[in-house]
Protein backbone atom coordinates (compact mmCIF):
# COMPACT_ATOMS: atom_id res chain seq x y z
CA MET A 1 205.29 153.77 120.12
CA GLU A 2 203.93 154.70 123.54
CA TRP A 3 200.18 154.74 124.20
CA THR A 4 199.20 158.27 125.22
CA LYS A 5 195.74 159.65 125.90
CA GLN A 6 195.89 161.51 122.59
CA LYS A 7 196.88 158.34 120.71
CA LEU A 8 194.09 156.34 122.37
CA GLU A 9 191.52 159.01 121.48
CA GLY A 10 192.70 158.91 117.86
CA VAL A 11 192.47 155.10 117.80
CA CYS A 12 188.94 155.30 119.24
CA VAL A 13 187.95 157.61 116.40
CA GLU A 14 189.35 155.15 113.86
CA LEU A 15 187.57 152.26 115.62
CA GLN A 16 184.26 154.10 115.42
CA LYS A 17 184.72 154.95 111.74
CA LYS A 18 185.60 151.38 110.80
CA ALA A 19 182.82 149.89 112.97
CA MET A 20 180.27 152.11 111.16
CA VAL A 21 180.98 150.49 107.79
CA ASP A 22 182.52 147.04 108.48
CA GLU A 23 180.09 144.61 110.12
CA ALA A 24 182.69 141.87 110.72
CA PHE A 25 185.07 144.35 112.38
CA ARG A 26 182.18 145.71 114.47
CA LYS A 27 181.39 142.22 115.77
CA GLU A 28 185.07 141.63 116.60
CA LEU A 29 185.28 145.00 118.38
CA LEU A 30 182.26 144.14 120.52
CA ALA A 31 183.57 140.64 121.29
CA ASP A 32 187.26 141.43 121.91
CA SER A 33 188.23 145.10 121.81
CA ALA A 34 191.93 144.44 122.47
CA LYS A 35 192.14 142.07 119.49
CA ALA A 36 190.26 144.53 117.25
CA ILE A 37 192.58 147.37 118.29
CA GLU A 38 195.61 145.23 117.51
CA MET A 39 194.09 144.35 114.12
CA LEU A 40 193.60 148.05 113.36
CA THR A 41 196.86 149.45 114.73
CA GLY A 42 199.24 146.51 114.66
CA GLU A 43 199.99 147.24 118.32
CA LYS A 44 198.89 145.58 121.55
CA LEU A 45 197.29 147.67 124.25
CA PRO A 46 199.42 148.29 127.36
CA GLU A 47 199.42 145.50 129.94
CA GLY A 48 196.31 145.70 132.12
CA PHE A 49 194.52 148.27 129.94
CA ARG A 50 190.97 147.19 129.10
CA LEU A 51 188.40 148.92 126.92
CA LYS A 52 184.70 148.09 127.12
CA VAL A 53 182.82 148.68 123.87
CA ILE A 54 179.02 148.69 123.84
CA GLU A 55 176.65 148.96 120.93
CA ASN A 56 174.21 151.83 120.72
CA ASP A 57 170.68 150.70 121.56
CA PRO A 58 168.11 152.56 119.44
CA ALA A 59 165.49 151.92 122.14
CA TYR A 60 167.21 154.64 124.19
CA THR A 61 167.69 158.30 123.37
CA ALA A 62 171.12 158.45 125.03
CA THR A 63 173.68 156.22 126.73
CA MET A 64 175.34 157.39 129.93
CA VAL A 65 178.49 155.97 131.52
CA LEU A 66 178.45 156.26 135.29
CA PRO A 67 181.55 157.56 137.07
CA ASN A 68 183.34 155.43 139.65
CA LEU A 69 181.59 155.16 143.02
CA LEU A 70 183.29 157.51 145.50
CA GLY A 71 181.86 156.00 148.66
CA ARG A 72 181.63 159.50 150.17
CA GLU A 73 179.80 162.78 149.71
CA LEU A 74 180.97 165.17 147.00
CA THR A 75 182.97 168.19 148.08
CA ASP A 76 181.52 171.62 147.28
CA GLU A 77 184.07 172.01 144.47
CA GLU A 78 183.15 168.61 142.96
CA SER A 79 179.47 169.42 143.24
CA ASP A 80 179.94 172.82 141.58
CA ALA A 81 181.91 171.21 138.75
CA ILE A 82 179.01 168.91 137.82
CA SER A 83 176.02 171.03 138.80
CA GLY A 84 175.52 172.27 135.23
CA GLY A 85 174.29 168.85 134.11
CA ILE A 86 174.61 167.56 130.56
CA SER A 87 175.45 170.03 127.83
CA PHE A 88 174.18 168.59 124.58
CA SER A 89 175.81 171.38 122.59
CA GLY A 90 179.16 170.53 124.19
CA LEU A 91 178.54 166.85 123.60
CA PHE A 92 177.67 167.43 119.95
CA SER A 93 180.67 169.69 119.32
CA LYS A 94 183.01 167.02 120.71
CA ALA A 95 181.25 164.31 118.70
CA LYS A 96 181.49 166.40 115.50
CA SER A 97 185.26 166.52 115.78
CA PHE A 98 185.40 162.71 116.12
CA LEU A 99 183.08 161.85 113.23
CA GLY A 100 184.93 163.53 110.40
CA SER A 101 183.36 162.73 107.02
CA HIS A 102 180.43 160.88 108.63
CA GLU A 103 179.33 163.97 110.54
CA ASP A 104 176.35 164.88 108.33
CA GLU A 105 175.06 161.29 108.24
CA MET A 106 175.26 160.85 112.01
CA PHE A 107 173.89 164.25 112.97
CA GLY A 108 171.03 163.89 110.51
CA ALA A 109 170.05 160.67 112.27
CA VAL A 110 170.50 162.22 115.73
CA LYS A 111 168.54 165.34 114.79
CA SER A 112 165.72 163.21 113.41
CA ALA A 113 165.63 161.00 116.51
CA VAL A 114 165.67 163.97 118.90
CA SER A 115 162.99 165.82 116.89
CA SER A 116 160.82 162.72 116.87
CA TRP A 117 161.29 162.23 120.60
CA LEU A 118 160.48 165.89 121.34
CA SER A 119 157.35 165.72 119.15
CA ASP A 120 156.17 162.58 120.90
CA LYS A 121 156.95 164.09 124.31
CA ASP A 122 155.09 167.31 123.50
CA SER A 123 152.06 165.46 122.14
CA HIS A 124 151.86 163.33 125.30
CA LEU A 125 152.28 166.38 127.56
CA ASN A 126 149.58 168.34 125.76
CA LYS A 127 146.93 165.61 125.96
CA PRO A 128 144.15 166.36 128.45
CA VAL A 129 144.13 164.25 131.59
CA LYS A 130 140.91 162.28 132.03
């Protein structure tokens, strides 16, 4: 079967689900993603295709992947396309579709972390400056 974008996205969902509950698989996925994908799907990735998997670091509120360096200024159209910044509602709606049955568990943890961070941020912002 041919590797399409849609197939790869589906495999990524399955990788995430399995890595949430299977510690040995998670370690293999972090160490050698191609081997873990072959273990899960029974298929090798296309020649030259590489997937970098990183583990979430609870010390950070979010993880951001930088785009490729252009080496030039953005055009007006490119700038307009990204000027809206990050949309957490859009991010969460996409994530919800990927998480399936683990949605409530994950969003409960995210909601708690974000609420805690906002509380801490507000308490620090409201302290008088000496």
